Protein backbone atom coordinates (compact mmCIF):
# COMPACT_ATOMS: atom_id res chain seq x y z
CA MET A 1 49.72 -11.37 7.27
CA ARG A 2 52.50 -10.74 4.91
CA TYR A 3 50.44 -10.93 1.84
CA GLN A 4 46.77 -10.01 1.63
CA GLN A 5 46.15 -11.66 -1.81
CA LEU A 6 47.17 -15.00 -3.09
CA ILE A 7 47.15 -15.39 -6.96
CA PHE A 8 46.97 -19.04 -7.88
CA ASP A 9 47.73 -20.76 -10.97
CA VAL A 10 45.37 -23.78 -11.51
CA ASP A 11 46.92 -26.37 -13.66
CA ASN A 12 49.51 -28.58 -11.87
CA THR A 13 49.19 -26.23 -8.89
CA LEU A 14 45.80 -26.91 -7.61
CA LEU A 15 44.53 -29.30 -10.17
CA ASN A 16 46.55 -32.30 -11.50
CA PHE A 17 46.54 -31.26 -15.15
CA SER A 18 49.20 -33.91 -16.00
CA ALA A 19 46.96 -36.81 -14.76
CA GLY A 20 43.99 -35.35 -16.49
CA GLU A 21 45.85 -34.92 -19.70
CA THR A 22 46.95 -38.60 -19.71
CA VAL A 23 43.51 -39.70 -19.13
CA ALA A 24 42.00 -37.46 -21.85
CA LEU A 25 44.63 -38.41 -24.29
CA THR A 26 44.16 -42.11 -23.72
CA THR A 27 40.53 -41.72 -24.15
CA LEU A 28 40.98 -39.81 -27.41
CA PHE A 29 43.38 -42.42 -28.83
CA GLU A 30 41.09 -45.41 -27.88
CA LYS A 31 38.09 -43.66 -29.49
CA HIS A 32 40.05 -43.46 -32.72
CA GLY A 33 41.27 -47.14 -32.46
CA ILE A 34 44.82 -46.24 -31.50
CA ALA A 35 46.76 -48.01 -28.84
CA PRO A 36 47.90 -45.37 -26.30
CA THR A 37 51.43 -46.80 -25.75
CA PRO A 38 53.78 -45.05 -23.31
CA SER A 39 56.00 -44.05 -26.19
CA LEU A 40 53.15 -42.42 -28.19
CA VAL A 41 51.87 -40.67 -25.01
CA ALA A 42 55.61 -39.39 -24.39
CA ALA A 43 55.83 -38.22 -28.01
CA TYR A 44 52.65 -36.24 -27.68
CA GLN A 45 53.80 -34.63 -24.37
CA ARG A 46 56.96 -33.51 -25.99
CA TYR A 47 55.20 -32.12 -28.98
CA ASN A 48 52.59 -30.42 -26.85
CA THR A 49 55.25 -28.88 -24.53
CA SER A 50 57.10 -27.40 -27.50
CA LEU A 51 53.91 -25.79 -28.79
CA TRP A 52 53.01 -24.27 -25.38
CA ARG A 53 56.56 -22.94 -24.96
CA GLN A 54 56.14 -21.23 -28.37
CA ILE A 55 52.91 -19.69 -26.93
CA GLU A 56 54.75 -18.44 -23.84
CA ALA A 57 57.51 -16.94 -25.95
CA GLY A 58 54.83 -15.15 -28.14
CA ALA A 59 55.91 -17.15 -31.31
CA LEU A 60 52.42 -18.96 -31.60
CA THR A 61 48.87 -17.93 -30.70
CA LYS A 62 46.16 -20.26 -29.43
CA ASP A 63 44.43 -19.90 -32.68
CA GLU A 64 47.37 -21.16 -34.50
CA LEU A 65 47.80 -23.95 -31.93
CA PHE A 66 44.26 -25.20 -32.43
CA ALA A 67 44.66 -25.03 -36.21
CA LYS A 68 47.45 -27.64 -36.17
CA TRP A 69 47.34 -29.26 -32.69
CA PHE A 70 46.14 -32.78 -33.31
CA VAL A 71 45.88 -32.37 -37.02
CA THR A 72 49.65 -32.21 -37.24
CA PHE A 73 50.35 -34.75 -34.53
CA PHE A 74 48.07 -37.43 -36.10
CA LYS A 75 49.61 -36.93 -39.49
CA GLU A 76 53.29 -36.91 -38.39
CA GLN A 77 53.01 -39.61 -35.71
CA LEU A 78 50.27 -41.85 -36.86
CA GLY A 79 49.97 -41.15 -40.57
CA GLN A 80 46.30 -40.28 -40.22
CA THR A 81 44.27 -37.31 -41.46
CA VAL A 82 42.01 -35.73 -39.07
CA GLY A 83 40.18 -32.38 -38.86
CA PRO A 84 40.30 -29.68 -36.11
CA GLU A 85 37.24 -31.26 -34.60
CA VAL A 86 39.52 -33.65 -32.89
CA ASP A 87 40.86 -30.71 -30.82
CA GLN A 88 37.23 -30.14 -29.49
CA GLU A 89 36.84 -33.78 -28.79
CA TYR A 90 40.13 -33.89 -26.74
CA LEU A 91 39.19 -30.70 -24.84
CA GLY A 92 35.80 -32.33 -24.06
CA TYR A 93 37.50 -35.16 -22.46
CA LEU A 94 39.97 -32.94 -20.71
CA GLY A 95 37.21 -30.81 -19.23
CA THR A 96 35.91 -33.71 -17.22
CA GLN A 97 39.16 -34.18 -15.32
CA HIS A 98 39.40 -32.49 -12.02
CA GLU A 99 41.89 -34.54 -9.78
CA LEU A 100 43.48 -32.29 -7.08
CA MET A 101 47.16 -32.05 -6.53
CA PRO A 102 48.26 -33.94 -3.34
CA GLY A 103 47.80 -31.65 -0.38
CA ALA A 104 45.94 -28.98 -2.35
CA MET A 105 42.72 -29.27 -0.41
CA ALA A 106 44.40 -29.04 2.90
CA MET A 107 46.39 -26.01 1.86
CA LEU A 108 43.32 -24.22 0.50
CA LYS A 109 41.41 -24.94 3.69
CA GLN A 110 44.28 -23.25 5.60
CA ALA A 111 43.90 -20.35 3.19
CA GLN A 112 40.13 -20.23 4.00
CA VAL A 113 41.00 -20.11 7.69
CA GLN A 114 43.14 -16.97 7.04
CA LYS A 115 40.47 -15.53 4.88
CA SER A 116 38.03 -15.66 7.78
CA ARG A 117 40.52 -14.00 10.00
CA LEU A 118 41.24 -11.31 7.43
CA SER A 119 37.45 -10.70 6.93
CA GLU A 120 37.05 -10.24 10.64
CA SER A 121 40.01 -7.75 10.77
CA GLY A 122 38.53 -5.70 7.95
CA LEU A 123 41.08 -6.68 5.33
CA VAL A 124 40.16 -7.93 1.92
CA PRO A 125 39.54 -11.61 1.29
CA LEU A 126 42.28 -13.89 0.03
CA PHE A 127 40.40 -14.72 -3.06
CA SER A 128 38.42 -12.06 -4.88
CA SER A 129 38.39 -12.83 -8.57
CA VAL A 130 39.21 -15.38 -11.28
CA LEU A 131 40.89 -14.40 -14.59
CA VAL A 132 41.19 -16.58 -17.65
CA SER A 133 43.84 -15.87 -20.20
CA GLU A 134 41.32 -16.31 -23.05
CA THR A 135 39.20 -13.42 -21.68
CA VAL A 136 42.14 -11.18 -21.69
CA GLY A 137 43.69 -12.18 -25.04
CA VAL A 138 47.33 -12.76 -23.88
CA GLU A 139 49.07 -15.58 -22.13
CA LYS A 140 51.48 -15.59 -19.24
CA PRO A 141 54.28 -14.44 -18.94
CA ASP A 142 52.89 -11.32 -20.69
CA PRO A 143 52.45 -8.71 -17.82
CA VAL A 144 49.21 -7.52 -19.49
CA ILE A 145 47.34 -10.34 -17.87
CA PHE A 146 48.42 -9.20 -14.41
CA GLU A 147 47.63 -5.55 -15.32
CA ARG A 148 44.15 -6.57 -16.24
CA PHE A 149 43.80 -8.43 -12.94
CA PHE A 150 44.98 -5.56 -10.76
CA ALA A 151 42.68 -3.22 -12.65
CA THR A 152 39.72 -4.81 -10.86
CA SER A 153 41.55 -5.91 -7.64
CA GLU A 154 41.35 -4.02 -4.37
CA VAL A 155 44.66 -5.19 -3.31
CA ALA A 156 47.96 -3.49 -4.53
CA PRO A 157 50.54 -5.78 -6.37
CA GLU A 158 53.01 -5.23 -3.51
CA GLN A 159 50.54 -6.92 -1.19
CA SER A 160 49.96 -9.91 -3.58
CA ILE A 161 51.98 -13.01 -4.53
CA MET A 162 51.70 -15.27 -7.44
CA ILE A 163 51.68 -19.01 -6.74
CA GLY A 164 52.28 -21.49 -9.68
CA ASP A 165 54.20 -24.30 -11.04
CA GLY A 166 55.17 -22.78 -14.37
CA LEU A 167 58.70 -21.23 -14.26
CA PRO A 168 58.49 -19.71 -17.78
CA SER A 169 54.87 -18.56 -17.33
CA ASP A 170 53.93 -17.91 -13.66
CA ILE A 171 57.23 -17.03 -12.18
CA VAL A 172 58.61 -15.13 -15.09
CA GLY A 173 55.30 -13.39 -15.57
CA ALA A 174 55.11 -12.40 -11.94
CA HIS A 175 58.64 -11.02 -12.28
CA LYS A 176 57.72 -8.98 -15.33
CA ALA A 177 54.73 -7.51 -13.40
CA HIS A 178 56.89 -6.82 -10.40
CA LEU A 179 55.07 -9.38 -8.16
CA ALA A 180 56.47 -11.63 -5.39
CA SER A 181 56.21 -15.28 -6.39
CA VAL A 182 56.03 -18.84 -4.93
CA TRP A 183 57.28 -21.46 -7.40
CA TYR A 184 55.58 -24.81 -6.75
CA ASN A 185 58.23 -27.19 -7.84
CA PRO A 186 57.48 -30.72 -6.79
CA ARG A 187 59.74 -32.25 -9.36
CA ARG A 188 62.60 -30.10 -8.24
CA VAL A 189 63.54 -29.11 -11.83
CA ALA A 190 66.47 -26.76 -12.25
CA ASN A 191 65.81 -23.03 -12.64
CA THR A 192 67.44 -21.94 -15.77
CA SER A 193 65.18 -18.97 -16.39
CA GLY A 194 67.55 -16.27 -14.88
CA VAL A 195 64.58 -15.24 -12.62
CA THR A 196 64.59 -16.03 -8.89
CA PRO A 197 61.27 -16.67 -7.23
CA THR A 198 60.58 -15.12 -3.84
CA VAL A 199 60.09 -18.60 -2.38
CA THR A 200 60.36 -22.22 -3.75
CA VAL A 201 58.28 -25.03 -2.27
CA ALA A 202 58.29 -28.66 -3.24
CA ASN A 203 54.73 -29.60 -1.87
CA HIS A 204 51.56 -28.20 -0.66
CA GLN A 205 52.55 -28.91 3.04
CA GLU A 206 55.39 -26.43 2.58
CA LEU A 207 52.89 -23.94 1.13
CA THR A 208 50.47 -24.56 4.04
CA ASP A 209 53.44 -23.79 6.37
CA LEU A 210 53.94 -20.54 4.53
CA LEU A 211 50.46 -19.50 5.03
CA THR A 212 50.69 -20.31 8.74
CA GLN A 213 53.92 -18.04 8.89
CA TRP A 214 52.43 -15.16 7.02
CA ALA A 215 49.36 -15.36 9.25
CA HIS A 216 51.47 -14.61 12.23
CA ALA A 217 53.90 -12.23 10.64
């Protein structure tokens, strides 16, 4: 197999974060007596995206995000004053969402087939650990998060590949850490990052096909 270790991003790569976010946001608005109109949801998504881009650029921390996340949005968009407890309320709703991305289960089953084959051959399993950015204290694309991962991994970086949907986080982060990468890009957005992923796929079937090719390489 070409790569002995697959490093997966979770949100919008394996789990449908966008769908879960919409459900959680709708629930939050309705609990506060607010109509979750498409224009309001779109306004929140633009606002939220701008905040996370600041985090990826190192211009904002998660603590700073949570200090103004919904507090600022409710005030600016709805003219309502709320406290930071609304953030925890939203996260509670979001935490119950676990819809899979289309084709993700089939792709992971294919990965498990290869895991069995690798185990029998004496090579390390495809999946060996889980790392959460909060436990490291940094966010992708900071290469420190990858350094921390490989500090406990039995597989070398050159035998690993990062798979994710986030161009400025997953793919740029992999590039900074000198890792190969697969950009999961179902919306076929343009790459303006200046970083070229090793492979780009548009769906999980293409990713499954890659696993099969690597298994016989």
